């Protein structure tokens, strides 16, 4: 499942390569999904939102 989600995320139209922090957050999110750790995956999504607003707004 995470492979499909990762592929969709990678092809979502983002024209700039992701920064190192984005890549780290995405890897952490995918590991949480693969492990079935929904609370961790949700926390990582929140972290990504905060990072996106702070670093890329």
Protein backbone atom coordinates (compact mmCIF):
# COMPACT_ATOMS: atom_id res chain seq x y z
CA UNK A 1 0.00 0.00 0.00
CA UNK A 2 2.69 2.55 0.87
CA UNK A 3 4.28 2.01 -2.54
CA UNK A 4 1.12 3.22 -4.26
CA UNK A 5 0.83 6.19 -1.94
CA UNK A 6 4.50 7.05 -2.40
CA UNK A 7 4.11 6.89 -6.18
CA UNK A 8 1.07 9.19 -6.05
CA UNK A 9 2.91 11.62 -3.78
CA UNK A 10 5.97 11.58 -6.04
CA UNK A 11 3.88 12.32 -9.13
CA UNK A 12 1.52 14.87 -7.57
CA UNK A 13 2.83 17.71 -9.73
CA UNK A 14 5.42 19.09 -7.32
CA UNK A 15 7.91 20.73 -9.67
CA UNK A 16 10.72 21.29 -7.18
CA UNK A 17 12.71 18.43 -5.72
CA UNK A 18 11.76 17.93 -2.07
CA UNK A 19 14.10 19.33 0.54
CA UNK A 20 16.03 17.00 2.85
CA UNK A 21 13.55 17.54 5.69
CA UNK A 22 10.61 16.67 3.39
CA UNK A 23 12.37 13.50 2.30
CA UNK A 24 13.07 12.50 5.92
CA UNK A 25 9.48 13.14 6.94
CA UNK A 26 8.17 11.13 3.97
CA UNK A 27 10.47 8.20 4.83
CA UNK A 28 9.28 8.25 8.43
CA UNK A 29 5.66 8.34 7.25
CA UNK A 30 6.17 5.39 4.89
CA UNK A 31 7.87 3.36 7.65
CA UNK A 32 4.92 4.06 9.95
CA UNK A 33 2.46 2.98 7.24
CA UNK A 34 4.43 -0.19 6.54
CA UNK A 35 4.47 -1.00 10.25
CA UNK A 36 0.74 -0.37 10.55
CA UNK A 37 1.37 2.37 13.12
CA UNK A 38 -1.52 4.71 12.35
CA UNK A 39 -0.93 7.12 15.28
CA UNK A 40 2.69 7.59 14.18
CA UNK A 41 1.63 8.06 10.54
CA UNK A 42 -0.91 10.69 11.59
CA UNK A 43 1.68 12.50 13.72
CA UNK A 44 4.08 12.55 10.78
CA UNK A 45 1.41 14.04 8.51
CA UNK A 46 0.94 16.84 11.04
CA UNK A 47 4.71 17.33 11.15
CA UNK A 48 4.79 17.57 7.36
CA UNK A 49 2.08 20.22 7.38
CA UNK A 50 3.94 22.28 9.96
CA UNK A 51 7.20 21.89 8.03
CA UNK A 52 5.55 22.85 4.73
CA UNK A 53 4.09 26.02 6.23
CA UNK A 54 7.31 27.01 7.97
CA UNK A 55 9.80 26.18 5.24
CA UNK A 56 7.94 26.39 1.95
CA UNK A 57 5.16 28.96 2.35
